[in-house]
Amino acid sequence: MPKTEPNNAPFSYDGLDRVIHEKARLGLLTSLMAHPKGLAFADLKQLCGLTDGNLSRHLQVLQEAGLVEVTKGYEGNRPHTTCRLTKSGRRRFLDYLAVLERLVRDAAKAAGKEDTAIARLGILPV
């Protein structure tokens, strides 16, 4: 099947990146976006409510996709892992959010509720 142009398939939302769109990874990226200098592994684990193994696996996926940088080292004599968004990871996440915002607008229009709670969130003009 040929790839459709965005104008021919306005509801395809091709920018909803599957790597980012998974719930745990979305939470991780949002946490890292709010902390540009990065976060310790333990802090990410607590903020996102993940187990060590689950967090490690999601970070591996994000790292392989070039979204996240993981730095392992020591703080004193204790192992310390820091995670931060890469420059391209930040750009991809912002692009993803723009598509998600468009999706919310389209859904609100389809529901005829542009002036409801979604508008009050600042996504749509009141």
N, C-alpha and C. Protein backbone atom coordinates (compact mmCIF):
# COMPACT_ATOMS: atom_id res chain seq x y z
N MET A 1 0.85 -1.18 0.00
CA MET A 1 0.00 0.00 0.00
C MET A 1 0.89 1.24 0.00
N PRO A 2 0.66 2.21 -0.88
CA PRO A 2 1.50 3.40 -0.94
C PRO A 2 1.31 4.28 0.29
N LYS A 3 2.41 4.94 0.66
CA LYS A 3 2.35 5.86 1.80
C LYS A 3 1.53 7.08 1.40
N THR A 4 0.61 7.48 2.26
CA THR A 4 -0.26 8.62 1.95
C THR A 4 0.37 9.90 2.46
N GLU A 5 0.08 10.96 1.79
CA GLU A 5 0.52 12.28 2.21
C GLU A 5 -0.36 12.73 3.37
N PRO A 6 0.17 13.57 4.29
CA PRO A 6 -0.63 14.04 5.43
C PRO A 6 -1.95 14.68 5.02
N ASN A 7 -1.98 15.40 3.90
CA ASN A 7 -3.22 16.05 3.47
C ASN A 7 -4.26 15.04 3.02
N ASN A 8 -3.82 13.88 2.53
CA ASN A 8 -4.75 12.85 2.08
C ASN A 8 -5.25 11.98 3.24
N ALA A 9 -4.53 11.99 4.34
CA ALA A 9 -4.91 11.19 5.51
C ALA A 9 -4.69 12.03 6.76
N PRO A 10 -5.54 13.03 6.97
CA PRO A 10 -5.31 13.97 8.07
C PRO A 10 -5.38 13.35 9.46
N PHE A 11 -5.97 12.18 9.57
CA PHE A 11 -6.08 11.55 10.89
C PHE A 11 -5.14 10.36 11.05
N SER A 12 -4.08 10.30 10.26
CA SER A 12 -3.12 9.21 10.38
C SER A 12 -2.15 9.42 11.55
N TYR A 13 -1.88 10.66 11.91
CA TYR A 13 -1.01 11.03 13.03
C TYR A 13 0.31 10.24 12.99
N ASP A 14 0.96 10.31 11.83
CA ASP A 14 2.22 9.60 11.64
C ASP A 14 3.29 9.99 12.66
N GLY A 15 3.22 11.19 13.20
CA GLY A 15 4.21 11.66 14.15
C GLY A 15 4.08 11.06 15.54
N LEU A 16 3.06 10.23 15.77
CA LEU A 16 2.94 9.57 17.07
C LEU A 16 3.90 8.39 17.09
N ASP A 17 5.13 8.70 17.41
CA ASP A 17 6.25 7.78 17.44
C ASP A 17 5.97 6.63 18.41
N ARG A 18 6.00 5.40 17.93
CA ARG A 18 5.71 4.24 18.78
C ARG A 18 6.71 4.07 19.92
N VAL A 19 7.94 4.49 19.71
CA VAL A 19 8.94 4.40 20.78
C VAL A 19 8.53 5.30 21.94
N ILE A 20 8.04 6.48 21.64
CA ILE A 20 7.66 7.46 22.66
C ILE A 20 6.27 7.15 23.22
N HIS A 21 5.37 6.67 22.40
CA HIS A 21 3.96 6.58 22.74
C HIS A 21 3.63 5.57 23.84
N GLU A 22 4.54 4.68 24.17
CA GLU A 22 4.30 3.71 25.25
C GLU A 22 4.24 4.47 26.58
N LYS A 23 3.29 4.09 27.43
CA LYS A 23 3.00 4.84 28.66
C LYS A 23 4.22 5.10 29.55
N ALA A 24 4.99 4.09 29.85
CA ALA A 24 6.14 4.26 30.74
C ALA A 24 7.19 5.18 30.10
N ARG A 25 7.44 5.00 28.80
CA ARG A 25 8.44 5.84 28.12
C ARG A 25 7.96 7.27 28.01
N LEU A 26 6.68 7.47 27.82
CA LEU A 26 6.12 8.82 27.80
C LEU A 26 6.36 9.50 29.15
N GLY A 27 6.15 8.78 30.23
CA GLY A 27 6.42 9.31 31.57
C GLY A 27 7.90 9.62 31.79
N LEU A 28 8.76 8.73 31.32
CA LEU A 28 10.20 8.95 31.46
C LEU A 28 10.64 10.20 30.70
N LEU A 29 10.18 10.33 29.47
CA LEU A 29 10.57 11.48 28.66
C LEU A 29 10.03 12.78 29.25
N THR A 30 8.82 12.74 29.77
CA THR A 30 8.24 13.94 30.39
C THR A 30 9.06 14.33 31.63
N SER A 31 9.44 13.34 32.42
CA SER A 31 10.27 13.61 33.61
C SER A 31 11.60 14.22 33.21
N LEU A 32 12.23 13.66 32.19
CA LEU A 32 13.53 14.16 31.74
C LEU A 32 13.41 15.54 31.09
N MET A 33 12.29 15.80 30.45
CA MET A 33 12.07 17.11 29.84
C MET A 33 12.00 18.18 30.94
N ALA A 34 11.43 17.82 32.07
CA ALA A 34 11.29 18.76 33.18
C ALA A 34 12.61 18.94 33.95
N HIS A 35 13.59 18.09 33.67
CA HIS A 35 14.89 18.14 34.35
C HIS A 35 16.00 18.08 33.30
N PRO A 36 16.28 19.19 32.63
CA PRO A 36 17.24 19.20 31.51
C PRO A 36 18.65 18.72 31.88
N LYS A 37 19.05 18.86 33.14
CA LYS A 37 20.38 18.40 33.55
C LYS A 37 20.41 16.90 33.79
N GLY A 38 19.25 16.27 33.75
CA GLY A 38 19.17 14.83 33.94
C GLY A 38 18.66 14.46 35.31
N LEU A 39 18.40 13.18 35.46
CA LEU A 39 17.92 12.64 36.73
C LEU A 39 18.66 11.35 37.05
N ALA A 40 18.80 11.09 38.32
CA ALA A 40 19.38 9.83 38.77
C ALA A 40 18.38 8.71 38.51
N PHE A 41 18.90 7.53 38.28
CA PHE A 41 18.09 6.35 38.03
C PHE A 41 17.02 6.18 39.12
N ALA A 42 17.45 6.32 40.39
CA ALA A 42 16.51 6.14 41.51
C ALA A 42 15.40 7.18 41.48
N ASP A 43 15.71 8.40 41.08
CA ASP A 43 14.69 9.45 41.00
C ASP A 43 13.69 9.15 39.88
N LEU A 44 14.19 8.72 38.74
CA LEU A 44 13.30 8.34 37.63
C LEU A 44 12.40 7.18 38.03
N LYS A 45 12.99 6.22 38.70
CA LYS A 45 12.24 5.04 39.17
C LYS A 45 11.07 5.48 40.05
N GLN A 46 11.34 6.39 40.97
CA GLN A 46 10.30 6.86 41.90
C GLN A 46 9.28 7.72 41.17
N LEU A 47 9.72 8.64 40.34
CA LEU A 47 8.81 9.55 39.64
C LEU A 47 7.84 8.81 38.72
N CYS A 48 8.32 7.74 38.10
CA CYS A 48 7.50 7.03 37.11
C CYS A 48 6.88 5.75 37.65
N GLY A 49 7.18 5.40 38.88
CA GLY A 49 6.57 4.22 39.49
C GLY A 49 6.95 2.92 38.80
N LEU A 50 8.24 2.78 38.47
CA LEU A 50 8.70 1.59 37.76
C LEU A 50 9.65 0.77 38.63
N THR A 51 9.76 -0.50 38.31
CA THR A 51 10.74 -1.35 38.99
C THR A 51 12.11 -1.12 38.34
N ASP A 52 13.16 -1.59 38.99
CA ASP A 52 14.51 -1.45 38.43
C ASP A 52 14.59 -2.06 37.03
N GLY A 53 14.10 -3.29 36.90
CA GLY A 53 14.17 -4.00 35.63
C GLY A 53 13.35 -3.33 34.54
N ASN A 54 12.15 -2.89 34.88
CA ASN A 54 11.28 -2.23 33.92
C ASN A 54 11.90 -0.91 33.47
N LEU A 55 12.41 -0.14 34.40
CA LEU A 55 13.05 1.13 34.07
C LEU A 55 14.27 0.90 33.18
N SER A 56 15.08 -0.09 33.52
CA SER A 56 16.27 -0.39 32.72
C SER A 56 15.90 -0.73 31.29
N ARG A 57 14.88 -1.53 31.12
CA ARG A 57 14.47 -1.94 29.77
C ARG A 57 13.95 -0.75 28.97
N HIS A 58 13.12 0.08 29.57
CA HIS A 58 12.60 1.25 28.86
C HIS A 58 13.71 2.24 28.52
N LEU A 59 14.66 2.42 29.44
CA LEU A 59 15.79 3.30 29.15
C LEU A 59 16.64 2.76 28.01
N GLN A 60 16.77 1.44 27.96
CA GLN A 60 17.53 0.81 26.87
C GLN A 60 16.87 1.11 25.52
N VAL A 61 15.55 0.99 25.45
CA VAL A 61 14.82 1.27 24.21
C VAL A 61 15.02 2.74 23.82
N LEU A 62 14.89 3.63 24.79
CA LEU A 62 15.05 5.06 24.51
C LEU A 62 16.48 5.41 24.12
N GLN A 63 17.43 4.74 24.74
CA GLN A 63 18.84 4.98 24.42
C GLN A 63 19.16 4.47 23.01
N GLU A 64 18.67 3.29 22.66
CA GLU A 64 18.89 2.73 21.33
C GLU A 64 18.27 3.61 20.24
N ALA A 65 17.19 4.30 20.58
CA ALA A 65 16.52 5.20 19.63
C ALA A 65 17.19 6.58 19.58
N GLY A 66 18.20 6.79 20.42
CA GLY A 66 18.91 8.07 20.42
C GLY A 66 18.19 9.18 21.16
N LEU A 67 17.20 8.83 21.96
CA LEU A 67 16.42 9.83 22.68
C LEU A 67 17.03 10.19 24.03
N VAL A 68 17.70 9.22 24.65
CA VAL A 68 18.19 9.38 26.01
C VAL A 68 19.66 8.97 26.08
N GLU A 69 20.39 9.68 26.93
CA GLU A 69 21.78 9.36 27.21
C GLU A 69 21.85 8.85 28.65
N VAL A 70 22.48 7.71 28.84
CA VAL A 70 22.63 7.13 30.17
C VAL A 70 24.12 7.13 30.51
N THR A 71 24.46 7.76 31.63
CA THR A 71 25.84 7.86 32.07
C THR A 71 26.00 7.12 33.39
N LYS A 72 26.92 6.16 33.40
CA LYS A 72 27.17 5.40 34.63
C LYS A 72 28.50 5.84 35.20
N GLY A 73 28.52 6.00 36.50
CA GLY A 73 29.74 6.41 37.18
C GLY A 73 29.62 6.14 38.66
N TYR A 74 30.39 6.88 39.41
CA TYR A 74 30.37 6.72 40.86
C TYR A 74 30.22 8.07 41.53
N GLU A 75 29.49 8.07 42.61
CA GLU A 75 29.38 9.23 43.48
C GLU A 75 29.95 8.76 44.81
N GLY A 76 31.18 9.19 45.09
CA GLY A 76 31.88 8.60 46.22
C GLY A 76 32.24 7.17 45.83
N ASN A 77 31.89 6.22 46.66
CA ASN A 77 32.13 4.81 46.36
C ASN A 77 30.90 4.09 45.85
N ARG A 78 29.83 4.83 45.64
CA ARG A 78 28.56 4.21 45.24
C ARG A 78 28.31 4.40 43.76
N PRO A 79 27.83 3.35 43.10
CA PRO A 79 27.48 3.48 41.68
C PRO A 79 26.37 4.51 41.50
N HIS A 80 26.47 5.29 40.42
CA HIS A 80 25.47 6.33 40.17
C HIS A 80 25.18 6.37 38.67
N THR A 81 23.91 6.25 38.31
CA THR A 81 23.49 6.31 36.91
C THR A 81 22.65 7.56 36.71
N THR A 82 23.02 8.36 35.72
CA THR A 82 22.28 9.58 35.39
C THR A 82 21.71 9.44 33.99
N CYS A 83 20.48 9.88 33.82
CA CYS A 83 19.79 9.82 32.53
C CYS A 83 19.38 11.22 32.13
N ARG A 84 19.55 11.53 30.85
CA ARG A 84 19.12 12.84 30.34
C ARG A 84 18.72 12.70 28.89
N LEU A 85 17.86 13.63 28.46
CA LEU A 85 17.46 13.67 27.05
C LEU A 85 18.64 14.11 26.20
N THR A 86 18.77 13.52 25.03
CA THR A 86 19.74 14.02 24.06
C THR A 86 19.12 15.23 23.36
N LYS A 87 19.92 15.97 22.64
CA LYS A 87 19.40 17.11 21.90
C LYS A 87 18.35 16.65 20.88
N SER A 88 18.65 15.57 20.15
CA SER A 88 17.67 15.06 19.18
C SER A 88 16.46 14.44 19.89
N GLY A 89 16.68 13.89 21.08
CA GLY A 89 15.57 13.34 21.85
C GLY A 89 14.59 14.42 22.27
N ARG A 90 15.13 15.54 22.67
CA ARG A 90 14.28 16.68 23.05
C ARG A 90 13.46 17.16 21.85
N ARG A 91 14.12 17.26 20.68
CA ARG A 91 13.44 17.70 19.46
C ARG A 91 12.34 16.71 19.07
N ARG A 92 12.66 15.42 19.09
CA ARG A 92 11.66 14.40 18.73
C ARG A 92 10.48 14.41 19.70
N PHE A 93 10.76 14.63 20.98
CA PHE A 93 9.68 14.66 21.96
C PHE A 93 8.79 15.88 21.73
N LEU A 94 9.39 17.03 21.44
CA LEU A 94 8.60 18.22 21.14
C LEU A 94 7.77 18.03 19.88
N ASP A 95 8.34 17.39 18.87
CA ASP A 95 7.58 17.09 17.64
C ASP A 95 6.42 16.16 17.95
N TYR A 96 6.67 15.16 18.78
CA TYR A 96 5.63 14.22 19.20
C TYR A 96 4.50 14.97 19.91
N LEU A 97 4.86 15.88 20.81
CA LEU A 97 3.84 16.64 21.55
C LEU A 97 3.00 17.50 20.63
N ALA A 98 3.61 18.05 19.58
CA ALA A 98 2.86 18.86 18.62
C ALA A 98 1.81 18.01 17.90
N VAL A 99 2.17 16.78 17.55
CA VAL A 99 1.21 15.89 16.90
C VAL A 99 0.11 15.50 17.88
N LEU A 100 0.49 15.23 19.12
CA LEU A 100 -0.49 14.88 20.15
C LEU A 100 -1.46 16.04 20.39
N GLU A 101 -0.94 17.25 20.39
CA GLU A 101 -1.79 18.44 20.54
C GLU A 101 -2.78 18.54 19.38
N ARG A 102 -2.31 18.26 18.16
CA ARG A 102 -3.20 18.29 16.99
C ARG A 102 -4.29 17.23 17.13
N LEU A 103 -3.92 16.06 17.63
CA LEU A 103 -4.89 14.99 17.84
C LEU A 103 -5.97 15.42 18.83
N VAL A 104 -5.56 16.07 19.92
CA VAL A 104 -6.53 16.53 20.92
C VAL A 104 -7.45 17.58 20.31
N ARG A 105 -6.90 18.49 19.52
CA ARG A 105 -7.73 19.51 18.85
C ARG A 105 -8.75 18.85 17.93
N ASP A 106 -8.28 17.90 17.11
CA ASP A 106 -9.17 17.22 16.17
C ASP A 106 -10.28 16.48 16.90
N ALA A 107 -9.92 15.81 17.99
CA ALA A 107 -10.91 15.07 18.76
C ALA A 107 -11.94 16.01 19.39
N ALA A 108 -11.46 17.15 19.90
CA ALA A 108 -12.37 18.13 20.51
C ALA A 108 -13.32 18.70 19.47
N LYS A 109 -12.80 19.00 18.29
CA LYS A 109 -13.65 19.51 17.22
C LYS A 109 -14.69 18.48 16.82
N ALA A 110 -14.27 17.24 16.70
CA ALA A 110 -15.19 16.18 16.31
C ALA A 110 -16.29 15.99 17.35
N ALA A 111 -15.94 16.22 18.60
CA ALA A 111 -16.93 16.08 19.67
C ALA A 111 -17.73 17.36 19.87
N GLY A 112 -17.35 18.43 19.17
CA GLY A 112 -18.07 19.70 19.31
C GLY A 112 -17.87 20.36 20.65
N LYS A 113 -16.72 20.14 21.25
CA LYS A 113 -16.49 20.65 22.60
C LYS A 113 -15.24 21.52 22.67
N GLU A 114 -15.01 22.33 21.68
CA GLU A 114 -13.81 23.17 21.68
C GLU A 114 -13.77 24.13 22.86
N ASP A 115 -14.90 24.50 23.40
CA ASP A 115 -14.92 25.49 24.46
C ASP A 115 -15.05 24.85 25.85
N THR A 116 -14.67 23.60 25.98
CA THR A 116 -14.80 22.89 27.26
C THR A 116 -13.48 22.85 28.00
N ALA A 117 -13.31 21.86 28.82
CA ALA A 117 -12.13 21.72 29.65
C ALA A 117 -10.85 21.67 28.84
N ILE A 118 -10.88 21.12 27.65
CA ILE A 118 -9.68 21.06 26.82
C ILE A 118 -9.20 22.46 26.50
N ALA A 119 -10.12 23.37 26.24
CA ALA A 119 -9.74 24.76 25.96
C ALA A 119 -9.13 25.41 27.19
N ARG A 120 -9.66 25.08 28.35
CA ARG A 120 -9.13 25.67 29.57
C ARG A 120 -7.72 25.18 29.89
N LEU A 121 -7.33 24.05 29.33
CA LEU A 121 -5.97 23.56 29.52
C LEU A 121 -4.96 24.37 28.72
N GLY A 122 -5.45 25.24 27.87
CA GLY A 122 -4.56 26.08 27.08
C GLY A 122 -4.20 25.45 25.76
N ILE A 123 -4.77 24.31 25.43
CA ILE A 123 -4.48 23.65 24.16
C ILE A 123 -5.28 24.32 23.04
N LEU A 124 -6.48 24.72 23.35
CA LEU A 124 -7.34 25.37 22.36
C LEU A 124 -7.69 26.77 22.83
N PRO A 125 -7.88 27.69 21.91
CA PRO A 125 -8.31 29.03 22.33
C PRO A 125 -9.72 28.98 22.92
N VAL A 126 -9.95 29.78 23.94
CA VAL A 126 -11.29 29.81 24.58
C VAL A 126 -12.21 30.71 23.80
